[in-house]
C-alpha cells in the first residue's frame, strides 16, 4: 500500500526551504573558499584563489542570520518534536528499529541547528582578509571549518533519514503547494500579535 503524503505547515515549508537553499549555498561556497585559499586537509583544486568567492560566501551568511533566528524559534516552539527528545539517547541503542531511525533523524536535525549557529557566530568573528593574507591559524577560522563539517554531515544524515523514514511522500510534501484554511497566511498577523502580547519560545 503506497504511503500517503503528509501535510507540512506552510510556515514550516517556507522556513525549511529558504533555510535549505541558504545553507546549501553557504556550504558549497564555503568549500570553494577553503579549496581555493586553504586546502591543508585535502583539496579538489577545482577553483583558483578568488576574492569574490569569499564575498559570495559572506553574502549567504548575511541572509542566513535572520532566517536562522526565525527557523530556530519555529523549531523550538512548533517543531520541537523534530528535535532531540529526552529519550533520544536511549532510543539510539535500539539499532534497526523504527524509533532508532526517528531518533537519528532528530539528532541530525538538532546537530544541524546547533552547527548552523556556530557557523554563523564564528563567521561573524572572522576577518575576510585572513585567507588572502595566508592567516589560517585563527581559532574562529577552525571553529568555522568544524561547524561546516558538522553541517554537511547533518545534511547528509537528514536527507538519508528522511528518505528512510518517510520516503518520497515525505520529501515531496516539503514542496507541496496545498494550504489548509487554518494554515492560511491571513491568520499570521493575529498569531504574531498574540505572540507579541505573551512572547515565549
Protein backbone atom coordinates (compact mmCIF):
# COMPACT_ATOMS: atom_id res chain seq x y z
CA UNK A 1 0.00 0.00 0.00
CA UNK A 2 1.56 3.34 -1.07
CA UNK A 3 2.36 5.85 1.64
CA UNK A 4 0.15 8.93 1.82
CA UNK A 5 1.83 12.29 1.52
CA UNK A 6 1.88 14.05 4.92
CA UNK A 7 0.82 17.67 5.25
CA UNK A 8 3.51 20.13 6.32
CA UNK A 9 2.50 23.51 7.80
CA UNK A 10 3.00 26.32 5.30
CA UNK A 11 5.29 28.35 7.57
CA UNK A 12 7.46 25.29 8.16
CA UNK A 13 7.72 24.63 4.42
CA UNK A 14 8.72 28.22 3.72
CA UNK A 15 11.30 28.45 6.51
CA UNK A 16 12.67 24.97 5.81
CA UNK A 17 13.08 25.50 2.07
CA UNK A 18 14.55 29.00 2.34
CA UNK A 19 16.93 27.82 5.06
CA UNK A 20 17.88 24.78 2.97
CA UNK A 21 18.70 26.95 -0.04
CA UNK A 22 20.85 29.32 2.03
CA UNK A 23 22.61 26.55 3.99
CA UNK A 24 23.42 24.51 0.88
CA UNK A 25 24.61 27.65 -0.91
CA UNK A 26 26.77 28.60 2.08
CA UNK A 27 28.15 25.05 2.32
CA UNK A 28 29.09 24.93 -1.36
CA UNK A 29 30.67 28.38 -1.44
CA UNK A 30 32.36 27.66 1.89
CA UNK A 31 34.02 24.59 0.41
CA UNK A 32 35.07 26.54 -2.68
CA UNK A 33 36.65 29.21 -0.46
CA UNK A 34 38.50 26.52 1.51
CA UNK A 35 39.51 24.66 -1.66
CA UNK A 36 40.94 27.77 -3.29
CA UNK A 37 42.60 29.51 -0.33
CA UNK A 38 43.42 26.75 2.18
CA UNK A 39 43.29 23.06 1.29
CA UNK A 40 45.54 21.87 4.13
CA UNK A 41 43.25 18.97 4.99
CA UNK A 42 42.70 17.89 1.40
CA UNK A 43 41.50 19.71 -1.68
CA UNK A 44 39.98 19.14 -5.09
CA UNK A 45 41.71 22.10 -6.72
CA UNK A 46 38.63 22.99 -8.76
CA UNK A 47 38.86 26.74 -8.15
CA UNK A 48 41.52 29.42 -8.26
CA UNK A 49 42.10 31.95 -5.49
CA UNK A 50 39.22 34.32 -6.00
CA UNK A 51 38.27 37.07 -3.57
CA UNK A 52 34.74 37.10 -4.96
CA UNK A 53 34.15 33.60 -3.54
CA UNK A 54 34.73 34.98 -0.04
CA UNK A 55 32.27 37.79 -0.73
CA UNK A 56 29.63 35.39 -2.10
CA UNK A 57 30.05 33.10 0.90
CA UNK A 58 29.70 36.12 3.19
CA UNK A 59 26.50 37.14 1.39
CA UNK A 60 24.95 33.75 2.17
CA UNK A 61 26.00 34.27 5.79
CA UNK A 62 24.36 37.70 5.83
CA UNK A 63 20.99 36.30 4.74
CA UNK A 64 21.42 33.25 6.97
CA UNK A 65 21.24 35.34 10.17
CA UNK A 66 17.57 36.46 10.03
CA UNK A 67 16.27 33.20 8.58
CA UNK A 68 18.16 31.14 11.18
CA UNK A 69 16.63 33.19 14.00
CA UNK A 70 13.13 32.64 12.62
CA UNK A 71 13.74 28.96 11.90
CA UNK A 72 15.26 28.35 15.34
CA UNK A 73 12.27 29.97 17.07
CA UNK A 74 9.86 27.94 14.96
CA UNK A 75 11.82 24.71 15.51
CA UNK A 76 11.87 25.13 19.28
CA UNK A 77 8.29 26.40 19.61
CA UNK A 78 6.30 24.49 16.99
CA UNK A 79 8.68 21.86 15.65
CA UNK A 80 10.25 20.57 18.84
CA UNK A 81 9.08 17.03 18.02
CA UNK A 82 11.57 17.06 15.15
CA UNK A 83 14.47 17.77 17.53
CA UNK A 84 16.24 15.62 20.13
CA UNK A 85 13.84 14.33 22.79
CA UNK A 86 14.58 13.35 26.43
CA UNK A 87 14.59 9.67 25.46
CA UNK A 88 16.51 10.07 22.18
CA UNK A 89 19.85 8.80 23.52
CA UNK A 90 18.16 5.72 24.98
CA UNK A 91 16.38 5.08 21.70
CA UNK A 92 19.66 5.25 19.79
CA UNK A 93 20.56 1.91 21.37
CA UNK A 94 17.60 0.25 19.61
CA UNK A 95 19.51 -0.15 16.35
CA UNK A 96 17.43 -1.05 13.32
CA UNK A 97 14.06 -0.41 14.93
CA UNK A 98 11.79 2.39 13.61
CA UNK A 99 12.37 4.52 16.72
CA UNK A 100 16.12 4.31 16.07
CA UNK A 101 15.69 5.88 12.63
CA UNK A 102 13.44 8.61 14.00
CA UNK A 103 15.89 9.34 16.83
CA UNK A 104 18.80 9.51 14.40
CA UNK A 105 16.87 11.96 12.24
CA UNK A 106 16.05 14.12 15.28
CA UNK A 107 19.71 14.06 16.30
CA UNK A 108 20.74 15.17 12.80
CA UNK A 109 18.15 17.98 12.86
CA UNK A 110 19.45 19.21 16.21
CA UNK A 111 23.09 18.92 15.11
CA UNK A 112 22.33 20.95 12.01
CA UNK A 113 20.62 23.69 14.01
CA UNK A 114 23.42 23.93 16.59
CA UNK A 115 26.19 23.71 13.96
CA UNK A 116 24.43 26.39 11.92
CA UNK A 117 24.51 28.71 14.93
CA UNK A 118 28.23 28.01 15.47
CA UNK A 119 28.94 28.53 11.76
CA UNK A 120 27.12 31.85 11.79
CA UNK A 121 28.72 33.12 15.02
CA UNK A 122 32.23 32.01 14.03
CA UNK A 123 31.77 33.59 10.61
CA UNK A 124 30.89 36.92 12.20
CA UNK A 125 34.12 36.83 14.23
CA UNK A 126 36.29 36.25 11.16
CA UNK A 127 38.12 38.84 9.11
CA UNK A 128 37.57 38.50 5.38
CA UNK A 129 41.25 39.34 4.85
CA UNK A 130 42.60 36.38 6.85
CA UNK A 131 42.69 33.91 3.96
CA UNK A 132 44.07 36.33 1.34
CA UNK A 133 46.84 37.18 3.83
CA UNK A 134 47.51 33.50 4.50
CA UNK A 135 46.39 33.76 8.13
CA UNK A 136 44.77 30.37 8.64
CA UNK A 137 45.55 29.63 12.29
CA UNK A 138 42.86 31.76 13.92
CA UNK A 139 40.61 29.94 16.40
CA UNK A 140 37.42 31.28 14.84
CA UNK A 141 38.50 30.00 11.43
CA UNK A 142 38.94 26.49 12.84
CA UNK A 143 35.57 26.71 14.59
CA UNK A 144 34.05 27.72 11.25
CA UNK A 145 35.66 24.76 9.47
CA UNK A 146 34.44 22.29 12.12
CA UNK A 147 30.93 23.78 12.01
CA UNK A 148 30.97 23.42 8.21
CA UNK A 149 31.89 19.72 8.51
CA UNK A 150 29.11 19.10 11.04
CA UNK A 151 26.54 20.95 8.91
CA UNK A 152 27.43 18.92 5.80
CA UNK A 153 27.33 15.64 7.75
CA UNK A 154 23.99 16.60 9.35
CA UNK A 155 22.50 17.50 5.96
CA UNK A 156 23.51 14.10 4.58
CA UNK A 157 22.05 12.25 7.58
CA UNK A 158 18.90 14.41 7.49
CA UNK A 159 18.24 13.62 3.82
CA UNK A 160 19.02 9.91 4.18
CA UNK A 161 16.86 9.56 7.29
CA UNK A 162 14.01 11.50 5.67
CA UNK A 163 14.09 9.06 2.75
CA UNK A 164 14.25 6.10 5.14
CA UNK A 165 11.52 7.32 7.50
CA UNK A 166 9.06 8.89 5.08
CA UNK A 167 10.27 8.03 1.59
CA UNK A 168 9.33 10.06 -1.46
CA UNK A 169 5.97 11.23 0.02
CA UNK A 170 7.79 12.99 2.88
CA UNK A 171 10.30 14.62 0.52
CA UNK A 172 7.57 15.76 -1.88
CA UNK A 173 5.45 17.12 0.98
CA UNK A 174 8.06 19.84 1.51
CA UNK A 175 7.29 21.18 -1.98
CA UNK A 176 3.52 20.72 -1.89
CA UNK A 177 1.56 23.87 -2.74
CA UNK A 178 -1.58 22.82 -0.85
CA UNK A 179 -2.60 25.12 2.02
CA UNK A 180 -5.22 24.25 4.61
CA UNK A 181 -7.67 27.03 5.58
CA UNK A 182 -6.38 27.21 9.17
CA UNK A 183 -2.83 27.46 7.81
CA UNK A 184 -3.54 30.49 5.61
CA UNK A 185 -1.12 33.46 5.81
CA UNK A 186 -4.16 35.64 6.54
CA UNK A 187 -4.07 34.23 10.10
CA UNK A 188 -0.40 35.06 10.64
CA UNK A 189 -0.78 38.72 11.72
CA UNK A 190 -3.14 37.72 14.54
CA UNK A 191 -0.80 34.92 15.62
CA UNK A 192 2.14 37.34 15.66
CA UNK A 193 0.15 39.84 17.73
CA UNK A 194 -0.81 37.11 20.19
CA UNK A 195 2.82 36.04 20.48
CA UNK A 196 3.99 39.64 21.00
CA UNK A 197 1.49 40.05 23.82
CA UNK A 198 2.99 37.00 25.55
CA UNK A 199 6.35 36.28 23.91
CA UNK A 200 7.70 32.80 24.57
CA UNK A 201 9.59 30.05 22.78
